[in-house]
Amino acid sequence: MENFLSRLHFNKKILLELLILVILLGLIVFIVFKYYRSKIITTEKPVEQTAEQQPTPTPTPSPISLPPGKGTYNVSQGKHQGPSISQVSFDPLDVRSGQKLTIIVKATDTAPVTSVTAVLQLDQTQKDLVFKLINGDALSGDWQTSIKIEDTLWYRYILTITSVSTSGSNQTIVAPRS
């Protein structure tokens, strides 16, 4: 019996030591897990993007094809003050960067036309243009200007013409590409 009691006492001692060892190991695992878990959470947070933050892709449209050579636009206008623009010609219509563009405008009025100017809007820039009377007279004539194109005209090719006479001024827009 004494042998049994000594074994029981020995077994209790071993059990107590094992229990302490398990508690210590559990404590160490808990601390390590807590430490590394906080590291993982702070360094690998998932990035949540809202709809406002996500860019929407916008495809680039194909440019409008223009025929080669001279292009002429006939213009009709309602009742207005100032000169009437009846025709606008672009030579060449399909002008490219580095080429010369010649524009001719037919302007008529009951009072002498004193000036024809324009703003040519290109893809990245715009140019101010001044026309000179080349045919006819100040009451009914052809006004011309030329410019070397230094920009592209793939998406924006808009001519805003301002014609002036003593009876008033008139603005006409012709847009081969807009």
C-alpha atoms as a PDB file:
ATOM      1  CA  MET A   1       0.000   0.000   0.000  1.00  0.00           C
ATOM      2  CA  GLU A   2       2.815   2.309   0.804  1.00  0.00           C
ATOM      3  CA  ASN A   3       4.162   1.694  -2.647  1.00  0.00           C
ATOM      4  CA  PHE A   4       0.812   2.697  -4.104  1.00  0.00           C
ATOM      5  CA  LEU A   5       0.690   5.919  -2.053  1.00  0.00           C
ATOM      6  CA  SER A   6       4.186   6.895  -3.083  1.00  0.00           C
ATOM      7  CA  ARG A   7       3.256   6.338  -6.695  1.00  0.00           C
ATOM      8  CA  LEU A   8       0.092   8.352  -6.259  1.00  0.00           C
ATOM      9  CA  HIS A   9       2.082  11.150  -4.685  1.00  0.00           C
ATOM     10  CA  PHE A  10       4.605  10.879  -7.486  1.00  0.00           C
ATOM     11  CA  ASN A  11       1.796  10.838 -10.056  1.00  0.00           C
ATOM     12  CA  LYS A  12       0.188  13.907  -8.456  1.00  0.00           C
ATOM     13  CA  LYS A  13       3.493  15.720  -8.631  1.00  0.00           C
ATOM     14  CA  ILE A  14       3.917  14.803 -12.309  1.00  0.00           C
ATOM     15  CA  LEU A  15       0.325  15.737 -13.045  1.00  0.00           C
ATOM     16  CA  LEU A  16       0.773  19.096 -11.356  1.00  0.00           C
ATOM     17  CA  GLU A  17       3.974  19.752 -13.299  1.00  0.00           C
ATOM     18  CA  LEU A  18       2.286  18.723 -16.548  1.00  0.00           C
ATOM     19  CA  LEU A  19      -0.672  20.983 -15.753  1.00  0.00           C
ATOM     20  CA  ILE A  20       1.650  23.945 -15.120  1.00  0.00           C
ATOM     21  CA  LEU A  21       3.559  23.158 -18.325  1.00  0.00           C
ATOM     22  CA  VAL A  22       0.323  23.020 -20.367  1.00  0.00           C
ATOM     23  CA  ILE A  23      -0.861  26.322 -18.861  1.00  0.00           C
ATOM     24  CA  LEU A  24       2.502  27.962 -19.664  1.00  0.00           C
ATOM     25  CA  LEU A  25       2.461  26.608 -23.218  1.00  0.00           C
ATOM     26  CA  GLY A  26      -1.110  27.801 -23.659  1.00  0.00           C
ATOM     27  CA  LEU A  27      -0.151  31.236 -22.362  1.00  0.00           C
ATOM     28  CA  ILE A  28       2.834  31.399 -24.736  1.00  0.00           C
ATOM     29  CA  VAL A  29       0.709  30.309 -27.711  1.00  0.00           C
ATOM     30  CA  PHE A  30      -1.948  32.886 -26.774  1.00  0.00           C
ATOM     31  CA  ILE A  31       0.617  35.717 -26.531  1.00  0.00           C
ATOM     32  CA  VAL A  32       2.358  34.721 -29.783  1.00  0.00           C
ATOM     33  CA  PHE A  33      -0.949  34.382 -31.620  1.00  0.00           C
ATOM     34  CA  LYS A  34      -2.176  37.725 -30.320  1.00  0.00           C
ATOM     35  CA  TYR A  35       1.095  39.435 -31.292  1.00  0.00           C
ATOM     36  CA  TYR A  36       1.290  37.982 -34.824  1.00  0.00           C
ATOM     37  CA  ARG A  37      -2.414  38.384 -35.429  1.00  0.00           C
ATOM     38  CA  SER A  38      -2.184  42.110 -34.723  1.00  0.00           C
ATOM     39  CA  LYS A  39       0.810  42.305 -37.099  1.00  0.00           C
ATOM     40  CA  ILE A  40      -1.127  40.494 -39.821  1.00  0.00           C
ATOM     41  CA  ILE A  41      -4.167  42.719 -39.404  1.00  0.00           C
ATOM     42  CA  THR A  42      -2.186  45.964 -39.465  1.00  0.00           C
ATOM     43  CA  THR A  43       0.083  45.034 -42.380  1.00  0.00           C
ATOM     44  CA  GLU A  44      -2.346  43.170 -44.577  1.00  0.00           C
ATOM     45  CA  LYS A  45      -5.587  45.084 -44.288  1.00  0.00           C
ATOM     46  CA  PRO A  46      -7.759  44.508 -47.334  1.00  0.00           C
ATOM     47  CA  VAL A  47      -8.166  47.641 -49.420  1.00  0.00           C
ATOM     48  CA  GLU A  48     -11.806  48.446 -49.827  1.00  0.00           C
ATOM     49  CA  GLN A  49     -12.599  50.713 -52.760  1.00  0.00           C
ATOM     50  CA  THR A  50     -15.852  52.519 -53.080  1.00  0.00           C
ATOM     51  CA  ALA A  51     -17.500  53.233 -56.396  1.00  0.00           C
ATOM     52  CA  GLU A  52     -16.158  56.795 -56.168  1.00  0.00           C
ATOM     53  CA  GLN A  53     -12.557  55.567 -55.973  1.00  0.00           C
ATOM     54  CA  GLN A  54     -12.719  53.046 -58.801  1.00  0.00           C
ATOM     55  CA  PRO A  55     -11.942  54.671 -62.140  1.00  0.00           C
ATOM     56  CA  THR A  56     -14.362  53.970 -64.924  1.00  0.00           C
ATOM     57  CA  PRO A  57     -12.594  53.127 -68.155  1.00  0.00           C
ATOM     58  CA  THR A  58     -13.621  55.298 -71.067  1.00  0.00           C
ATOM     59  CA  PRO A  59     -12.855  53.966 -74.517  1.00  0.00           C
ATOM     60  CA  THR A  60     -11.405  56.322 -77.091  1.00  0.00           C
ATOM     61  CA  PRO A  61     -13.844  56.586 -79.989  1.00  0.00           C
ATOM     62  CA  SER A  62     -12.688  56.198 -83.564  1.00  0.00           C
ATOM     63  CA  PRO A  63     -12.334  59.537 -85.344  1.00  0.00           C
ATOM     64  CA  ILE A  64     -14.906  60.466 -87.987  1.00  0.00           C
ATOM     65  CA  SER A  65     -13.542  59.699 -91.440  1.00  0.00           C
ATOM     66  CA  LEU A  66     -13.331  62.681 -93.795  1.00  0.00           C
ATOM     67  CA  PRO A  67     -13.020  62.408 -97.579  1.00  0.00           C
ATOM     68  CA  PRO A  68      -9.689  63.471 -99.113  1.00  0.00           C
ATOM     69  CA  GLY A  69      -9.361  66.708-101.065  1.00  0.00           C
ATOM     70  CA  LYS A  70     -11.436  69.853-100.926  1.00  0.00           C
ATOM     71  CA  GLY A  71     -14.606  69.802 -98.831  1.00  0.00           C
ATOM     72  CA  THR A  72     -17.351  72.395 -99.188  1.00  0.00           C
ATOM     73  CA  TYR A  73     -20.180  73.057 -96.719  1.00  0.00           C
ATOM     74  CA  ASN A  74     -23.285  74.973 -97.787  1.00  0.00           C
ATOM     75  CA  VAL A  75     -24.662  77.029 -94.923  1.00  0.00           C
ATOM     76  CA  SER A  76     -28.237  78.252 -94.455  1.00  0.00           C
ATOM     77  CA  GLN A  77     -29.158  80.748 -91.775  1.00  0.00           C
ATOM     78  CA  GLY A  78     -32.355  82.219 -90.435  1.00  0.00           C
ATOM     79  CA  LYS A  79     -32.971  85.931 -90.092  1.00  0.00           C
ATOM     80  CA  HIS A  80     -30.031  87.633 -88.369  1.00  0.00           C
ATOM     81  CA  GLN A  81     -27.997  90.812 -88.150  1.00  0.00           C
ATOM     82  CA  GLY A  82     -24.767  91.177 -90.108  1.00  0.00           C
ATOM     83  CA  PRO A  83     -23.291  89.343 -93.076  1.00  0.00           C
ATOM     84  CA  SER A  84     -24.560  85.934 -94.193  1.00  0.00           C
ATOM     85  CA  ILE A  85     -22.134  83.089 -94.677  1.00  0.00           C
ATOM     86  CA  SER A  86     -23.450  80.852 -97.462  1.00  0.00           C
ATOM     87  CA  GLN A  87     -20.502  78.524 -98.104  1.00  0.00           C
ATOM     88  CA  VAL A  88     -17.333  77.341 -96.337  1.00  0.00           C
ATOM     89  CA  SER A  89     -14.601  75.359 -98.136  1.00  0.00           C
ATOM     90  CA  PHE A  90     -11.694  73.480 -96.512  1.00  0.00           C
ATOM     91  CA  ASP A  91      -8.779  72.547 -98.773  1.00  0.00           C
ATOM     92  CA  PRO A  92      -7.898  69.800 -97.994  1.00  0.00           C
ATOM     93  CA  LEU A  93     -10.786  68.730 -95.779  1.00  0.00           C
ATOM     94  CA  ASP A  94      -8.815  65.783 -94.379  1.00  0.00           C
ATOM     95  CA  VAL A  95      -5.805  67.954 -93.451  1.00  0.00           C
ATOM     96  CA  ARG A  96      -3.113  66.402 -91.237  1.00  0.00           C
ATOM     97  CA  SER A  97      -0.591  67.873 -88.836  1.00  0.00           C
ATOM     98  CA  GLY A  98       2.238  69.555 -90.776  1.00  0.00           C
ATOM     99  CA  GLN A  99       0.055  70.365 -93.808  1.00  0.00           C
ATOM    100  CA  LYS A 100      -1.276  73.719 -95.022  1.00  0.00           C
ATOM    101  CA  LEU A 101      -5.042  74.264 -94.746  1.00  0.00           C
ATOM    102  CA  THR A 102      -6.793  76.889 -96.886  1.00  0.00           C
ATOM    103  CA  ILE A 103     -10.294  78.014 -95.922  1.00  0.00           C
ATOM    104  CA  ILE A 104     -12.564  80.085 -98.202  1.00  0.00           C
ATOM    105  CA  VAL A 105     -15.789  81.690 -96.931  1.00  0.00           C
ATOM    106  CA  LYS A 106     -18.541  83.253 -99.106  1.00  0.00           C
ATOM    107  CA  ALA A 107     -19.957  86.280 -97.284  1.00  0.00           C
ATOM    108  CA  THR A 108     -22.753  88.600 -98.433  1.00  0.00           C
ATOM    109  CA  ASP A 109     -24.586  91.549 -96.895  1.00  0.00           C
ATOM    110  CA  THR A 110     -26.562  94.649 -97.863  1.00  0.00           C
ATOM    111  CA  ALA A 111     -23.824  96.727 -96.190  1.00  0.00           C
ATOM    112  CA  PRO A 112     -20.120  96.281 -96.957  1.00  0.00           C
ATOM    113  CA  VAL A 113     -18.466  93.390 -95.075  1.00  0.00           C
ATOM    114  CA  THR A 114     -15.572  94.907 -93.112  1.00  0.00           C
ATOM    115  CA  SER A 115     -13.984  91.786 -91.642  1.00  0.00           C
ATOM    116  CA  VAL A 116     -14.143  88.014 -91.492  1.00  0.00           C
ATOM    117  CA  THR A 117     -12.289  86.254 -88.667  1.00  0.00           C
ATOM    118  CA  ALA A 118     -12.477  82.775 -87.182  1.00  0.00           C
ATOM    119  CA  VAL A 119     -11.323  80.515 -84.385  1.00  0.00           C
ATOM    120  CA  LEU A 120     -10.208  77.043 -85.477  1.00  0.00           C
ATOM    121  CA  GLN A 121     -10.465  74.523 -82.632  1.00  0.00           C
ATOM    122  CA  LEU A 122      -8.160  71.525 -82.959  1.00  0.00           C
ATOM    123  CA  ASP A 123      -7.652  68.495 -80.693  1.00  0.00           C
ATOM    124  CA  GLN A 124      -5.297  70.280 -78.266  1.00  0.00           C
ATOM    125  CA  THR A 125      -5.183  73.931 -79.357  1.00  0.00           C
ATOM    126  CA  GLN A 126      -7.125  76.660 -81.066  1.00  0.00           C
ATOM    127  CA  LYS A 127      -5.949  79.201 -83.634  1.00  0.00           C
ATOM    128  CA  ASP A 128      -7.245  82.678 -84.429  1.00  0.00           C
ATOM    129  CA  LEU A 129      -7.621  83.294 -88.171  1.00  0.00           C
ATOM    130  CA  VAL A 130      -8.023  86.490 -90.226  1.00  0.00           C
ATOM    131  CA  PHE A 131      -9.527  86.285 -93.728  1.00  0.00           C
ATOM    132  CA  LYS A 132      -8.770  88.532 -96.727  1.00  0.00           C
ATOM    133  CA  LEU A 133     -11.157  89.361 -99.557  1.00  0.00           C
ATOM    134  CA  ILE A 134      -9.839  87.510-102.651  1.00  0.00           C
ATOM    135  CA  ASN A 135     -12.798  87.567-105.082  1.00  0.00           C
ATOM    136  CA  GLY A 136     -15.879  89.756-105.550  1.00  0.00           C
ATOM    137  CA  ASP A 137     -16.480  92.837-103.450  1.00  0.00           C
ATOM    138  CA  ALA A 138     -17.375  93.814 -99.880  1.00  0.00           C
ATOM    139  CA  LEU A 139     -21.112  93.212-100.535  1.00  0.00           C
ATOM    140  CA  SER A 140     -20.649  89.696-101.926  1.00  0.00           C
ATOM    141  CA  GLY A 141     -17.259  88.057-101.964  1.00  0.00           C
ATOM    142  CA  ASP A 142     -14.939  85.190-101.184  1.00  0.00           C
ATOM    143  CA  TRP A 143     -12.725  85.583 -98.109  1.00  0.00           C
ATOM    144  CA  GLN A 144      -9.672  83.356 -97.685  1.00  0.00           C
ATOM    145  CA  THR A 145      -7.122  82.390 -95.045  1.00  0.00           C
ATOM    146  CA  SER A 146      -4.388  79.755 -94.840  1.00  0.00           C
ATOM    147  CA  ILE A 147      -2.681  78.134 -91.866  1.00  0.00           C
ATOM    148  CA  LYS A 148      -0.085  75.426 -91.322  1.00  0.00           C
ATOM    149  CA  ILE A 149      -1.668  72.837 -89.031  1.00  0.00           C
ATOM    150  CA  GLU A 150       0.550  71.937 -86.075  1.00  0.00           C
ATOM    151  CA  ASP A 151      -1.942  69.891 -84.088  1.00  0.00           C
ATOM    152  CA  THR A 152      -4.136  66.890 -84.812  1.00  0.00           C
ATOM    153  CA  LEU A 153      -7.752  67.155 -85.920  1.00  0.00           C
ATOM    154  CA  TRP A 154      -8.889  63.612 -85.166  1.00  0.00           C
ATOM    155  CA  TYR A 155     -11.611  64.486 -82.656  1.00  0.00           C
ATOM    156  CA  ARG A 156     -12.065  68.248 -82.687  1.00  0.00           C
ATOM    157  CA  TYR A 157     -12.126  70.231 -85.954  1.00  0.00           C
ATOM    158  CA  ILE A 158     -14.469  73.169 -85.406  1.00  0.00           C
ATOM    159  CA  LEU A 159     -14.429  76.520 -87.219  1.00  0.00           C
ATOM    160  CA  THR A 160     -16.295  79.425 -85.621  1.00  0.00           C
ATOM    161  CA  ILE A 161     -16.543  82.289 -88.149  1.00  0.00           C
ATOM    162  CA  THR A 162     -17.367  85.874 -87.200  1.00  0.00           C
ATOM    163  CA  SER A 163     -18.344  88.192 -90.050  1.00  0.00           C
ATOM    164  CA  VAL A 164     -18.791  91.922 -89.465  1.00  0.00           C
ATOM    165  CA  SER A 165     -20.358  94.756 -91.491  1.00  0.00           C
ATOM    166  CA  THR A 166     -21.898  98.118 -90.664  1.00  0.00           C
ATOM    167  CA  SER A 167     -25.267  96.307 -90.323  1.00  0.00           C
ATOM    168  CA  GLY A 168     -23.984  94.087 -87.486  1.00  0.00           C
ATOM    169  CA  SER A 169     -22.051  90.899 -86.878  1.00  0.00           C
ATOM    170  CA  ASN A 170     -22.878  87.238 -87.336  1.00  0.00           C
ATOM    171  CA  GLN A 171     -21.325  84.051 -86.024  1.00  0.00           C
ATOM    172  CA  THR A 172     -21.376  80.783 -87.986  1.00  0.00           C
ATOM    173  CA  ILE A 173     -20.036  77.414 -86.812  1.00  0.00           C
ATOM    174  CA  VAL A 174     -18.926  74.664 -89.185  1.00  0.00           C
ATOM    175  CA  ALA A 175     -17.695  71.448 -87.551  1.00  0.00           C
ATOM    176  CA  PRO A 176     -16.226  68.719 -89.771  1.00  0.00           C
ATOM    177  CA  ARG A 177     -15.420  66.878 -86.492  1.00  0.00           C
ATOM    178  CA  SER A 178     -16.775  67.731 -83.056  1.00  0.00           C
END
